[in-house]
PDB file of N, CA and C in Angstrom:
ATOM      1  N   MET A   1       0.747  -1.205  -0.005  1.00  0.00           N
ATOM      2  CA  MET A   1       0.075  -0.074   0.067  1.00  0.00           C
ATOM      3  C   MET A   1       0.811   1.268   0.032  1.00  0.00           C
ATOM      4  N   SER A   2       0.626   2.215  -0.841  1.00  0.00           N
ATOM      5  CA  SER A   2       1.486   3.398  -0.983  1.00  0.00           C
ATOM      6  C   SER A   2       1.066   4.342   0.224  1.00  0.00           C
ATOM      7  N   GLU A   3       2.026   5.194   0.279  1.00  0.00           N
ATOM      8  CA  GLU A   3       1.779   6.062   1.521  1.00  0.00           C
ATOM      9  C   GLU A   3       0.774   7.152   1.297  1.00  0.00           C
ATOM     10  N   ASP A   4       0.563   7.472  -0.035  1.00  0.00           N
ATOM     11  CA  ASP A   4      -0.704   8.277  -0.302  1.00  0.00           C
ATOM     12  C   ASP A   4      -2.029   7.690  -0.095  1.00  0.00           C
ATOM     13  N   THR A   5      -1.935   6.347  -0.284  1.00  0.00           N
ATOM     14  CA  THR A   5      -3.171   5.337  -0.096  1.00  0.00           C
ATOM     15  C   THR A   5      -3.511   5.302   1.393  1.00  0.00           C
ATOM     16  N   SER A   6      -2.328   5.322   2.142  1.00  0.00           N
ATOM     17  CA  SER A   6      -2.796   5.271   3.692  1.00  0.00           C
ATOM     18  C   SER A   6      -3.235   6.541   4.036  1.00  0.00           C
ATOM     19  N   TRP A   7      -2.670   7.419   3.647  1.00  0.00           N
ATOM     20  CA  TRP A   7      -3.326   8.863   3.924  1.00  0.00           C
ATOM     21  C   TRP A   7      -4.687   9.067   3.614  1.00  0.00           C
ATOM     22  N   ASP A   8      -5.023   8.550   2.600  1.00  0.00           N
ATOM     23  CA  ASP A   8      -6.351   8.771   1.747  1.00  0.00           C
ATOM     24  C   ASP A   8      -7.275   7.849   2.850  1.00  0.00           C
ATOM     25  N   ILE A   9      -6.976   6.691   3.217  1.00  0.00           N
ATOM     26  CA  ILE A   9      -7.729   5.644   4.046  1.00  0.00           C
ATOM     27  C   ILE A   9      -7.814   6.506   5.571  1.00  0.00           C
ATOM     28  N   LEU A  10      -6.714   7.044   5.957  1.00  0.00           N
ATOM     29  CA  LEU A  10      -6.727   7.721   7.328  1.00  0.00           C
ATOM     30  C   LEU A  10      -7.959   8.934   7.169  1.00  0.00           C
ATOM     31  N   ASP A  11      -7.492   9.586   6.277  1.00  0.00           N
ATOM     32  CA  ASP A  11      -8.648  10.859   5.828  1.00  0.00           C
ATOM     33  C   ASP A  11     -10.047  10.351   6.008  1.00  0.00           C
ATOM     34  N   ALA A  12     -10.275   9.116   5.161  1.00  0.00           N
ATOM     35  CA  ALA A  12     -11.683   8.741   4.876  1.00  0.00           C
ATOM     36  C   ALA A  12     -12.205   8.302   6.506  1.00  0.00           C
ATOM     37  N   LEU A  13     -11.205   7.454   7.219  1.00  0.00           N
ATOM     38  CA  LEU A  13     -11.570   7.197   8.566  1.00  0.00           C
ATOM     39  C   LEU A  13     -12.095   8.112   9.575  1.00  0.00           C
ATOM     40  N   ALA A  14     -11.088   9.309   9.602  1.00  0.00           N
ATOM     41  CA  ALA A  14     -11.309  10.082  10.220  1.00  0.00           C
ATOM     42  C   ALA A  14     -12.522  11.119   9.795  1.00  0.00           C
ATOM     43  N   ASP A  15     -13.100  11.120   8.589  1.00  0.00           N
ATOM     44  CA  ASP A  15     -14.287  11.993   8.433  1.00  0.00           C
ATOM     45  C   ASP A  15     -15.390  11.056   8.616  1.00  0.00           C
ATOM     46  N   GLU A  16     -15.366   9.844   8.675  1.00  0.00           N
ATOM     47  CA  GLU A  16     -16.354   8.680   9.020  1.00  0.00           C
ATOM     48  C   GLU A  16     -16.722   8.821  10.710  1.00  0.00           C
ATOM     49  N   ALA A  17     -15.660   9.080  11.329  1.00  0.00           N
ATOM     50  CA  ALA A  17     -15.655   9.035  12.841  1.00  0.00           C
ATOM     51  C   ALA A  17     -16.206  10.277  13.068  1.00  0.00           C
ATOM     52  N   ALA A  18     -15.994  11.605  12.416  1.00  0.00           N
ATOM     53  CA  ALA A  18     -16.477  12.914  12.580  1.00  0.00           C
ATOM     54  C   ALA A  18     -18.226  12.775  12.439  1.00  0.00           C
ATOM     55  N   ARG A  19     -18.335  12.164  11.283  1.00  0.00           N
ATOM     56  CA  ARG A  19     -19.960  11.917  11.057  1.00  0.00           C
ATOM     57  C   ARG A  19     -20.674  11.229  12.139  1.00  0.00           C
ATOM     58  N   TYR A  20     -20.069  10.226  12.515  1.00  0.00           N
ATOM     59  CA  TYR A  20     -20.702   9.321  13.428  1.00  0.00           C
ATOM     60  C   TYR A  20     -21.045  10.136  14.744  1.00  0.00           C
ATOM     61  N   GLU A  21     -19.890  10.915  15.355  1.00  0.00           N
ATOM     62  CA  GLU A  21     -19.926  11.471  16.423  1.00  0.00           C
ATOM     63  C   GLU A  21     -20.867  12.666  16.289  1.00  0.00           C
ATOM     64  N   GLU A  22     -21.083  13.429  14.909  1.00  0.00           N
ATOM     65  CA  GLU A  22     -21.864  14.263  14.941  1.00  0.00           C
ATOM     66  C   GLU A  22     -23.381  13.875  14.867  1.00  0.00           C
ATOM     67  N   GLU A  23     -23.578  12.673  14.245  1.00  0.00           N
ATOM     68  CA  GLU A  23     -24.991  12.075  14.210  1.00  0.00           C
ATOM     69  C   GLU A  23     -25.223  11.603  15.737  1.00  0.00           C
ATOM     70  N   GLU A  24     -24.381  11.014  16.348  1.00  0.00           N
ATOM     71  CA  GLU A  24     -24.738  10.326  17.681  1.00  0.00           C
ATOM     72  C   GLU A  24     -24.749  11.180  18.784  1.00  0.00           C
ATOM     73  N   GLY A  25     -23.760  12.478  18.734  1.00  0.00           N
ATOM     74  CA  GLY A  25     -23.787  13.544  19.692  1.00  0.00           C
ATOM     75  C   GLY A  25     -22.752  13.069  20.810  1.00  0.00           C
ATOM     76  N   LYS A  26     -22.137  12.139  20.578  1.00  0.00           N
ATOM     77  CA  LYS A  26     -20.886  11.834  21.563  1.00  0.00           C
ATOM     78  C   LYS A  26     -20.043  10.797  21.033  1.00  0.00           C
ATOM     79  N   PRO A  27     -18.778  10.863  21.384  1.00  0.00           N
ATOM     80  CA  PRO A  27     -17.953   9.760  21.053  1.00  0.00           C
ATOM     81  C   PRO A  27     -18.109   8.478  21.820  1.00  0.00           C
ATOM     82  N   THR A  28     -17.717   7.459  21.243  1.00  0.00           N
ATOM     83  CA  THR A  28     -17.767   6.273  21.997  1.00  0.00           C
ATOM     84  C   THR A  28     -16.379   5.724  22.197  1.00  0.00           C
ATOM     85  N   PRO A  29     -16.339   4.763  23.148  1.00  0.00           N
ATOM     86  CA  PRO A  29     -14.829   4.310  23.684  1.00  0.00           C
ATOM     87  C   PRO A  29     -13.971   3.961  22.271  1.00  0.00           C
ATOM     88  N   GLU A  30     -14.669   3.280  21.372  1.00  0.00           N
ATOM     89  CA  GLU A  30     -14.154   2.926  20.071  1.00  0.00           C
ATOM     90  C   GLU A  30     -13.675   4.232  19.167  1.00  0.00           C
ATOM     91  N   SER A  31     -14.580   5.105  19.177  1.00  0.00           N
ATOM     92  CA  SER A  31     -14.099   6.278  18.269  1.00  0.00           C
ATOM     93  C   SER A  31     -12.950   6.982  19.011  1.00  0.00           C
ATOM     94  N   ARG A  32     -13.068   6.911  20.299  1.00  0.00           N
ATOM     95  CA  ARG A  32     -11.749   7.773  20.879  1.00  0.00           C
ATOM     96  C   ARG A  32     -10.540   6.886  20.689  1.00  0.00           C
ATOM     97  N   ALA A  33     -10.635   5.682  20.827  1.00  0.00           N
ATOM     98  CA  ALA A  33      -9.291   4.740  20.570  1.00  0.00           C
ATOM     99  C   ALA A  33      -9.047   4.953  18.974  1.00  0.00           C
ATOM    100  N   ALA A  34      -9.985   4.951  18.235  1.00  0.00           N
ATOM    101  CA  ALA A  34      -9.532   5.175  16.900  1.00  0.00           C
ATOM    102  C   ALA A  34      -8.890   6.610  16.640  1.00  0.00           C
ATOM    103  N   ALA A  35      -9.575   7.590  17.573  1.00  0.00           N
ATOM    104  CA  ALA A  35      -8.817   8.762  17.286  1.00  0.00           C
ATOM    105  C   ALA A  35      -7.587   9.121  17.711  1.00  0.00           C
ATOM    106  N   GLN A  36      -7.259   8.130  18.795  1.00  0.00           N
ATOM    107  CA  GLN A  36      -5.814   8.168  19.294  1.00  0.00           C
ATOM    108  C   GLN A  36      -4.919   7.495  18.535  1.00  0.00           C
ATOM    109  N   ARG A  37      -5.322   6.511  17.857  1.00  0.00           N
ATOM    110  CA  ARG A  37      -4.526   5.746  16.903  1.00  0.00           C
ATOM    111  C   ARG A  37      -4.299   6.572  15.589  1.00  0.00           C
ATOM    112  N   TYR A  38      -5.367   7.367  15.046  1.00  0.00           N
ATOM    113  CA  TYR A  38      -5.113   8.240  14.096  1.00  0.00           C
ATOM    114  C   TYR A  38      -3.987   9.475  14.401  1.00  0.00           C
ATOM    115  N   ARG A  39      -4.096   9.914  15.594  1.00  0.00           N
ATOM    116  CA  ARG A  39      -3.359  10.986  16.038  1.00  0.00           C
ATOM    117  C   ARG A  39      -1.818  10.299  16.232  1.00  0.00           C
ATOM    118  N   SER A  40      -1.620   9.178  16.633  1.00  0.00           N
ATOM    119  CA  SER A  40      -0.112   8.399  16.695  1.00  0.00           C
ATOM    120  C   SER A  40       0.241   8.385  15.439  1.00  0.00           C
ATOM    121  N   MET A  41      -0.525   7.830  14.511  1.00  0.00           N
ATOM    122  CA  MET A  41       0.018   7.699  13.249  1.00  0.00           C
ATOM    123  C   MET A  41       0.410   9.067  12.609  1.00  0.00           C
ATOM    124  N   ILE A  42      -0.462  10.262  12.627  1.00  0.00           N
ATOM    125  CA  ILE A  42      -0.106  11.459  12.137  1.00  0.00           C
ATOM    126  C   ILE A  42       1.145  12.100  12.928  1.00  0.00           C
ATOM    127  N   ASP A  43       1.232  11.813  14.153  1.00  0.00           N
ATOM    128  CA  ASP A  43       2.616  12.504  14.862  1.00  0.00           C
ATOM    129  C   ASP A  43       3.638  11.674  14.484  1.00  0.00           C
ATOM    130  N   ASP A  44       3.645  10.297  14.441  1.00  0.00           N
ATOM    131  CA  ASP A  44       4.798   9.537  13.904  1.00  0.00           C
ATOM    132  C   ASP A  44       5.208   9.755  12.561  1.00  0.00           C
ATOM    133  N   ARG A  45       4.206  10.148  11.445  1.00  0.00           N
ATOM    134  CA  ARG A  45       4.564  10.524  10.182  1.00  0.00           C
ATOM    135  C   ARG A  45       5.249  11.984  10.200  1.00  0.00           C
ATOM    136  N   LEU A  46       4.762  12.902  10.874  1.00  0.00           N
ATOM    137  CA  LEU A  46       5.532  14.221  10.929  1.00  0.00           C
ATOM    138  C   LEU A  46       6.715  14.266  11.664  1.00  0.00           C
ATOM    139  N   ALA A  47       7.058  13.348  12.596  1.00  0.00           N
ATOM    140  CA  ALA A  47       8.266  13.106  13.166  1.00  0.00           C
ATOM    141  C   ALA A  47       9.130  12.640  12.208  1.00  0.00           C
ATOM    142  N   ALA A  48       8.819  11.700  11.376  1.00  0.00           N
ATOM    143  CA  ALA A  48       9.661  11.216  10.451  1.00  0.00           C
ATOM    144  C   ALA A  48       9.802  12.118   9.183  1.00  0.00           C
ATOM    145  N   MET A  49       9.059  13.043   8.882  1.00  0.00           N
ATOM    146  CA  MET A  49       9.194  13.972   7.953  1.00  0.00           C
ATOM    147  C   MET A  49      10.055  15.078   8.512  1.00  0.00           C
ATOM    148  N   ARG A  50      10.014  15.407   9.828  1.00  0.00           N
ATOM    149  CA  ARG A  50      11.030  16.291  10.416  1.00  0.00           C
ATOM    150  C   ARG A  50      12.267  15.737  10.509  1.00  0.00           C
ATOM    151  N   ARG A  51      12.571  14.550  10.814  1.00  0.00           N
ATOM    152  CA  ARG A  51      13.737  14.054  10.858  1.00  0.00           C
ATOM    153  C   ARG A  51      14.447  13.897   9.485  1.00  0.00           C
ATOM    154  N   ALA A  52      13.851  13.719   8.281  1.00  0.00           N
ATOM    155  CA  ALA A  52      14.179  13.688   6.999  1.00  0.00           C
ATOM    156  C   ALA A  52      14.740  15.060   6.575  1.00  0.00           C
ATOM    157  N   ASP A  53      13.885  16.002   6.880  1.00  0.00           N
ATOM    158  CA  ASP A  53      14.266  17.626   6.702  1.00  0.00           C
ATOM    159  C   ASP A  53      15.496  17.852   7.576  1.00  0.00           C
ATOM    160  N   LEU A  54      15.729  17.223   8.733  1.00  0.00           N
ATOM    161  CA  LEU A  54      17.041  17.656   9.420  1.00  0.00           C
ATOM    162  C   LEU A  54      18.163  17.053   8.917  1.00  0.00           C
ATOM    163  N   GLU A  55      18.082  15.755   8.302  1.00  0.00           N
ATOM    164  CA  GLU A  55      19.058  15.047   7.810  1.00  0.00           C
ATOM    165  C   GLU A  55      19.723  15.956   6.665  1.00  0.00           C
ATOM    166  N   GLN A  56      18.692  16.797   5.785  1.00  0.00           N
ATOM    167  CA  GLN A  56      19.236  17.423   4.708  1.00  0.00           C
ATOM    168  C   GLN A  56      20.120  18.831   4.973  1.00  0.00           C
ATOM    169  N   LEU A  57      20.053  19.060   6.486  1.00  0.00           N
ATOM    170  CA  LEU A  57      20.593  20.258   6.915  1.00  0.00           C
ATOM    171  C   LEU A  57      22.019  19.879   7.439  1.00  0.00           C
ATOM    172  N   GLU A  58      22.878  20.950   7.054  1.00  0.00           N
ATOM    173  CA  GLU A  58      24.074  20.760   7.787  1.00  0.00           C
ATOM    174  C   GLU A  58      24.200  21.042   9.160  1.00  0.00           C
ATOM    175  N   PRO A  59      24.968  20.357  10.228  1.00  0.00           N
ATOM    176  CA  PRO A  59      25.157  20.599  11.444  1.00  0.00           C
ATOM    177  C   PRO A  59      25.447  22.156  11.767  1.00  0.00           C
ATOM    178  N   ALA A  60      24.560  22.658  12.851  1.00  0.00           N
ATOM    179  CA  ALA A  60      24.742  23.933  13.174  1.00  0.00           C
ATOM    180  C   ALA A  60      26.332  24.426  13.588  1.00  0.00           C
ATOM    181  N   GLN A  61      26.651  25.373  13.309  1.00  0.00           N
ATOM    182  CA  GLN A  61      27.976  25.892  13.549  1.00  0.00           C
ATOM    183  C   GLN A  61      27.962  27.008  14.568  1.00  0.00           C
ATOM    184  N   VAL A  62      28.296  26.780  15.814  1.00  0.00           N
ATOM    185  CA  VAL A  62      28.189  28.029  16.932  1.00  0.00           C
ATOM    186  C   VAL A  62      29.570  28.573  17.190  1.00  0.00           C
ATOM    187  N   ALA A  63      29.779  29.607  16.840  1.00  0.00           N
ATOM    188  CA  ALA A  63      31.049  30.174  16.933  1.00  0.00           C
ATOM    189  C   ALA A  63      31.161  31.134  18.215  1.00  0.00           C
ATOM    190  N   ARG A  64      31.989  30.857  19.367  1.00  0.00           N
ATOM    191  CA  ARG A  64      32.036  31.868  20.240  1.00  0.00           C
ATOM    192  C   ARG A  64      32.772  33.189  19.852  1.00  0.00           C
ATOM    193  N   GLY A  65      31.931  34.369  20.376  1.00  0.00           N
ATOM    194  CA  GLY A  65      32.447  35.584  19.857  1.00  0.00           C
ATOM    195  C   GLY A  65      33.396  35.937  20.946  1.00  0.00           C
ATOM    196  N   TRP A  66      34.181  37.088  20.501  1.00  0.00           N
ATOM    197  CA  TRP A  66      35.200  37.543  21.439  1.00  0.00           C
ATOM    198  C   TRP A  66      34.446  38.527  22.543  1.00  0.00           C
ATOM    199  N   ILE A  67      34.984  38.357  23.733  1.00  0.00           N
ATOM    200  CA  ILE A  67      34.403  39.068  24.907  1.00  0.00           C
ATOM    201  C   ILE A  67      35.471  40.160  25.361  1.00  0.00           C
ATOM    202  N   ARG A  68      34.795  41.134  25.677  1.00  0.00           N
ATOM    203  CA  ARG A  68      35.666  42.444  26.121  1.00  0.00           C
ATOM    204  C   ARG A  68      36.584  42.036  27.412  1.00  0.00           C
ATOM    205  N   PRO A  69      37.733  42.604  27.348  1.00  0.00           N
ATOM    206  CA  PRO A  69      38.641  42.221  28.419  1.00  0.00           C
ATOM    207  C   PRO A  69      38.012  42.765  29.897  1.00  0.00           C
ATOM    208  N   ASP A  70      37.393  44.024  29.754  1.00  0.00           N
ATOM    209  CA  ASP A  70      36.779  44.567  31.120  1.00  0.00           C
ATOM    210  C   ASP A  70      35.610  43.596  31.645  1.00  0.00           C
ATOM    211  N   LEU A  71      34.837  42.651  30.766  1.00  0.00           N
ATOM    212  CA  LEU A  71      33.890  41.736  31.152  1.00  0.00           C
ATOM    213  C   LEU A  71      34.458  40.763  31.628  1.00  0.00           C
ATOM    214  N   LEU A  72      35.700  40.309  31.193  1.00  0.00           N
ATOM    215  CA  LEU A  72      36.365  39.159  31.523  1.00  0.00           C
ATOM    216  C   LEU A  72      37.039  39.152  33.052  1.00  0.00           C
ATOM    217  N   GLU A  73      37.347  40.272  33.229  1.00  0.00           N
ATOM    218  CA  GLU A  73      37.844  40.619  34.734  1.00  0.00           C
ATOM    219  C   GLU A  73      36.642  40.683  35.685  1.00  0.00           C
ATOM    220  N   MET A  74      35.606  40.858  35.528  1.00  0.00           N
ATOM    221  CA  MET A  74      34.403  41.170  36.220  1.00  0.00           C
ATOM    222  C   MET A  74      34.080  39.513  37.201  1.00  0.00           C
ATOM    223  N   THR A  75      33.834  39.783  38.458  1.00  0.00           N
ATOM    224  CA  THR A  75      33.386  38.701  39.001  1.00  0.00           C
ATOM    225  C   THR A  75      31.902  38.391  38.924  1.00  0.00           C
ATOM    226  N   ARG A  76      31.422  37.249  39.289  1.00  0.00           N
ATOM    227  CA  ARG A  76      29.969  36.969  38.856  1.00  0.00           C
ATOM    228  C   ARG A  76      29.043  38.079  39.405  1.00  0.00           C
ATOM    229  N   ASP A  77      29.247  38.300  40.663  1.00  0.00           N
ATOM    230  CA  ASP A  77      28.380  39.481  41.316  1.00  0.00           C
ATOM    231  C   ASP A  77      28.402  40.597  40.611  1.00  0.00           C
ATOM    232  N   LYS A  78      29.457  41.077  40.065  1.00  0.00           N
ATOM    233  CA  LYS A  78      29.663  42.337  39.201  1.00  0.00           C
ATOM    234  C   LYS A  78      28.707  42.077  37.984  1.00  0.00           C
ATOM    235  N   LEU A  79      28.888  40.993  37.453  1.00  0.00           N
ATOM    236  CA  LEU A  79      28.454  40.840  36.003  1.00  0.00           C
ATOM    237  C   LEU A  79      26.799  40.704  36.240  1.00  0.00           C
ATOM    238  N   VAL A  80      26.296  39.949  37.424  1.00  0.00           N
ATOM    239  CA  VAL A  80      24.952  40.016  37.646  1.00  0.00           C
ATOM    240  C   VAL A  80      24.236  41.546  37.914  1.00  0.00           C
ATOM    241  N   ALA A  81      25.060  42.461  38.739  1.00  0.00           N
ATOM    242  CA  ALA A  81      24.653  43.670  38.998  1.00  0.00           C
ATOM    243  C   ALA A  81      24.872  44.451  37.812  1.00  0.00           C
ATOM    244  N   TYR A  82      25.749  44.221  36.893  1.00  0.00           N
ATOM    245  CA  TYR A  82      25.687  45.008  35.507  1.00  0.00           C
ATOM    246  C   TYR A  82      24.438  44.777  34.645  1.00  0.00           C
ATOM    247  N   ILE A  83      24.111  43.376  34.691  1.00  0.00           N
ATOM    248  CA  ILE A  83      22.776  43.024  33.888  1.00  0.00           C
ATOM    249  C   ILE A  83      21.789  43.842  34.431  1.00  0.00           C
ATOM    250  N   ARG A  84      21.551  43.698  35.906  1.00  0.00           N
ATOM    251  CA  ARG A  84      20.486  44.393  36.476  1.00  0.00           C
ATOM    252  C   ARG A  84      20.411  45.977  36.101  1.00  0.00           C
ATOM    253  N   ARG A  85      21.555  46.657  36.393  1.00  0.00           N
ATOM    254  CA  ARG A  85      21.557  48.008  35.777  1.00  0.00           C
ATOM    255  C   ARG A  85      21.067  48.295  34.209  1.00  0.00           C
ATOM    256  N   LEU A  86      21.411  47.122  33.507  1.00  0.00           N
ATOM    257  CA  LEU A  86      21.025  47.266  32.154  1.00  0.00           C
ATOM    258  C   LEU A  86      19.652  47.127  31.930  1.00  0.00           C
ATOM    259  N   GLN A  87      19.059  46.302  32.753  1.00  0.00           N
ATOM    260  CA  GLN A  87      17.634  45.980  33.004  1.00  0.00           C
ATOM    261  C   GLN A  87      16.757  47.357  33.371  1.00  0.00           C
ATOM    262  N   ASP A  88      17.490  47.958  34.346  1.00  0.00           N
ATOM    263  CA  ASP A  88      16.753  49.018  34.900  1.00  0.00           C
ATOM    264  C   ASP A  88      16.855  50.160  33.855  1.00  0.00           C
ATOM    265  N   GLN A  89      17.977  50.256  32.902  1.00  0.00           N
ATOM    266  CA  GLN A  89      18.036  51.346  31.777  1.00  0.00           C
ATOM    267  C   GLN A  89      16.821  50.863  30.607  1.00  0.00           C
ATOM    268  N   GLN A  90      16.777  49.455  30.349  1.00  0.00           N
ATOM    269  CA  GLN A  90      15.757  48.936  29.464  1.00  0.00           C
ATOM    270  C   GLN A  90      14.701  48.305  30.160  1.00  0.00           C
ATOM    271  N   PRO A  91      13.468  48.860  30.747  1.00  0.00           N
ATOM    272  CA  PRO A  91      12.541  48.026  31.350  1.00  0.00           C
ATOM    273  C   PRO A  91      12.018  46.877  30.553  1.00  0.00           C
ATOM    274  N   ALA A  92      11.970  47.101  29.206  1.00  0.00           N
ATOM    275  CA  ALA A  92      11.319  45.953  28.353  1.00  0.00           C
ATOM    276  C   ALA A  92      12.456  45.022  28.086  1.00  0.00           C
ATOM    277  N   LEU A  93      13.606  44.963  28.526  1.00  0.00           N
ATOM    278  CA  LEU A  93      14.489  43.892  28.359  1.00  0.00           C
ATOM    279  C   LEU A  93      14.037  42.788  29.227  1.00  0.00           C
ATOM    280  N   GLY A  94      14.158  41.668  28.270  1.00  0.00           N
ATOM    281  CA  GLY A  94      13.863  40.430  28.881  1.00  0.00           C
ATOM    282  C   GLY A  94      14.676  39.175  28.489  1.00  0.00           C
ATOM    283  N   PHE A  95      14.981  38.158  29.260  1.00  0.00           N
ATOM    284  CA  PHE A  95      15.455  37.022  28.891  1.00  0.00           C
ATOM    285  C   PHE A  95      15.141  35.846  29.513  1.00  0.00           C
ATOM    286  N   ALA A  96      15.492  34.484  29.128  1.00  0.00           N
ATOM    287  CA  ALA A  96      14.781  33.327  29.603  1.00  0.00           C
ATOM    288  C   ALA A  96      15.364  33.056  31.294  1.00  0.00           C
ATOM    289  N   HIS A  97      16.538  33.476  31.514  1.00  0.00           N
ATOM    290  CA  HIS A  97      16.993  33.073  32.852  1.00  0.00           C
ATOM    291  C   HIS A  97      16.972  34.405  33.626  1.00  0.00           C
ATOM    292  N   ARG A  98      15.742  34.349  34.244  1.00  0.00           N
ATOM    293  CA  ARG A  98      15.499  35.750  35.215  1.00  0.00           C
ATOM    294  C   ARG A  98      16.251  35.691  36.585  1.00  0.00           C
ATOM    295  N   SER A  99      16.518  34.556  37.121  1.00  0.00           N
ATOM    296  CA  SER A  99      17.251  34.626  38.314  1.00  0.00           C
ATOM    297  C   SER A  99      18.850  34.508  38.092  1.00  0.00           C
ATOM    298  N   LEU A 100      19.058  34.078  36.766  1.00  0.00           N
ATOM    299  CA  LEU A 100      20.642  34.148  36.696  1.00  0.00           C
ATOM    300  C   LEU A 100      21.525  33.081  37.210  1.00  0.00           C
ATOM    301  N   ARG A 101      20.761  32.209  38.376  1.00  0.00           N
ATOM    302  CA  ARG A 101      21.692  31.422  39.096  1.00  0.00           C
ATOM    303  C   ARG A 101      22.349  30.346  38.187  1.00  0.00           C
ATOM    304  N   ASN A 102      21.674  29.759  37.224  1.00  0.00           N
ATOM    305  CA  ASN A 102      22.005  28.775  36.499  1.00  0.00           C
ATOM    306  C   ASN A 102      22.894  29.069  35.387  1.00  0.00           C
ATOM    307  N   VAL A 103      23.234  30.302  35.179  1.00  0.00           N
ATOM    308  CA  VAL A 103      23.911  30.756  34.033  1.00  0.00           C
ATOM    309  C   VAL A 103      25.449  30.831  34.078  1.00  0.00           C
ATOM    310  N   SER A 104      26.236  30.265  33.356  1.00  0.00           N
ATOM    311  CA  SER A 104      27.724  30.365  33.593  1.00  0.00           C
ATOM    312  C   SER A 104      28.171  31.740  33.645  1.00  0.00           C
ATOM    313  N   ASP A 105      29.264  32.035  33.990  1.00  0.00           N
ATOM    314  CA  ASP A 105      30.004  33.455  34.075  1.00  0.00           C
ATOM    315  C   ASP A 105      30.210  33.929  32.575  1.00  0.00           C
ATOM    316  N   ASP A 106      30.723  32.892  31.658  1.00  0.00           N
ATOM    317  CA  ASP A 106      30.769  33.348  30.304  1.00  0.00           C
ATOM    318  C   ASP A 106      29.744  33.599  29.546  1.00  0.00           C
ATOM    319  N   ASP A 107      28.614  33.016  30.138  1.00  0.00           N
ATOM    320  CA  ASP A 107      27.066  33.231  29.366  1.00  0.00           C
ATOM    321  C   ASP A 107      26.664  34.575  29.741  1.00  0.00           C
ATOM    322  N   LEU A 108      26.983  34.950  31.150  1.00  0.00           N
ATOM    323  CA  LEU A 108      26.639  36.393  31.363  1.00  0.00           C
ATOM    324  C   LEU A 108      27.305  37.345  30.914  1.00  0.00           C
ATOM    325  N   ARG A 109      28.520  37.176  30.443  1.00  0.00           N
ATOM    326  CA  ARG A 109      29.245  38.037  29.636  1.00  0.00           C
ATOM    327  C   ARG A 109      28.848  38.168  28.327  1.00  0.00           C
ATOM    328  N   THR A 110      28.468  36.992  27.648  1.00  0.00           N
ATOM    329  CA  THR A 110      27.893  37.022  26.392  1.00  0.00           C
ATOM    330  C   THR A 110      26.471  37.668  26.442  1.00  0.00           C
ATOM    331  N   MET A 111      25.837  37.607  27.259  1.00  0.00           N
ATOM    332  CA  MET A 111      24.441  38.422  27.644  1.00  0.00           C
ATOM    333  C   MET A 111      24.656  39.943  27.625  1.00  0.00           C
ATOM    334  N   ILE A 112      25.752  40.161  28.440  1.00  0.00           N
ATOM    335  CA  ILE A 112      25.791  41.540  28.501  1.00  0.00           C
ATOM    336  C   ILE A 112      26.239  42.156  27.047  1.00  0.00           C
ATOM    337  N   GLU A 113      27.148  41.452  26.262  1.00  0.00           N
ATOM    338  CA  GLU A 113      27.432  41.864  25.020  1.00  0.00           C
ATOM    339  C   GLU A 113      26.305  41.943  24.158  1.00  0.00           C
ATOM    340  N   ASP A 114      25.459  40.975  24.247  1.00  0.00           N
ATOM    341  CA  ASP A 114      24.354  40.899  23.346  1.00  0.00           C
ATOM    342  C   ASP A 114      23.293  42.101  23.758  1.00  0.00           C
ATOM    343  N   ILE A 115      23.222  42.404  25.014  1.00  0.00           N
ATOM    344  CA  ILE A 115      22.275  43.434  25.445  1.00  0.00           C
ATOM    345  C   ILE A 115      22.684  44.817  24.876  1.00  0.00           C
ATOM    346  N   GLU A 116      24.050  45.047  25.065  1.00  0.00           N
ATOM    347  CA  GLU A 116      24.589  46.278  24.760  1.00  0.00           C
ATOM    348  C   GLU A 116      24.720  46.546  23.236  1.00  0.00           C
ATOM    349  N   SER A 117      24.785  45.392  22.424  1.00  0.00           N
ATOM    350  CA  SER A 117      24.731  45.387  20.947  1.00  0.00           C
ATOM    351  C   SER A 117      23.279  45.734  20.450  1.00  0.00           C
ATOM    352  N   THR A 118      22.313  45.225  21.239  1.00  0.00           N
ATOM    353  CA  THR A 118      20.968  45.476  20.996  1.00  0.00           C
ATOM    354  C   THR A 118      20.598  46.971  21.150  1.00  0.00           C
ATOM    355  N   MET A 119      21.189  47.265  22.510  1.00  0.00           N
ATOM    356  CA  MET A 119      20.918  48.911  22.716  1.00  0.00           C
ATOM    357  C   MET A 119      21.488  49.715  21.839  1.00  0.00           C
ATOM    358  N   GLU A 120      22.745  49.413  21.081  1.00  0.00           N
ATOM    359  CA  GLU A 120      23.324  50.194  20.132  1.00  0.00           C
ATOM    360  C   GLU A 120      22.590  50.440  18.883  1.00  0.00           C
ATOM    361  N   ASP A 121      21.933  49.064  18.658  1.00  0.00           N
ATOM    362  CA  ASP A 121      21.113  49.000  17.297  1.00  0.00           C
ATOM    363  C   ASP A 121      20.035  49.923  17.443  1.00  0.00           C
ATOM    364  N   GLU A 122      19.375  50.038  18.706  1.00  0.00           N
ATOM    365  CA  GLU A 122      18.206  50.738  18.833  1.00  0.00           C
ATOM    366  C   GLU A 122      18.232  52.361  18.918  1.00  0.00           C
ATOM    367  N   SER A 123      19.941  52.826  18.867  1.00  0.00           N
ATOM    368  CA  SER A 123      20.035  54.242  19.013  1.00  0.00           C
ATOM    369  C   SER A 123      20.497  54.688  17.713  1.00  0.00           C
TER     370      SER A 123
END
């Protein structure tokens, strides 16, 4: 059975299940089980399609940028305080790590560089 035929059958079964529920007014245990099977098939197919797409891409290359010497000299407490001052200057500034506890010192330095470059772009 071809893949297109499988999708056509799945589509027909889903339509029939929807018509049944519309006529009967409620799903049955069988129709719910069928819906779950259809959902699993669709999820599996979408995951396979995504994997195939990813295989076509080259691996991501992440290059670490240069960090200013003054930031390299700062202790963790000073880095966090610096970020907090930048936040005070830019109330709309937000980032995923609100507490900054689980962020490495180098990542704090990179965050400062990113924040400052964004602020320069806006002016």
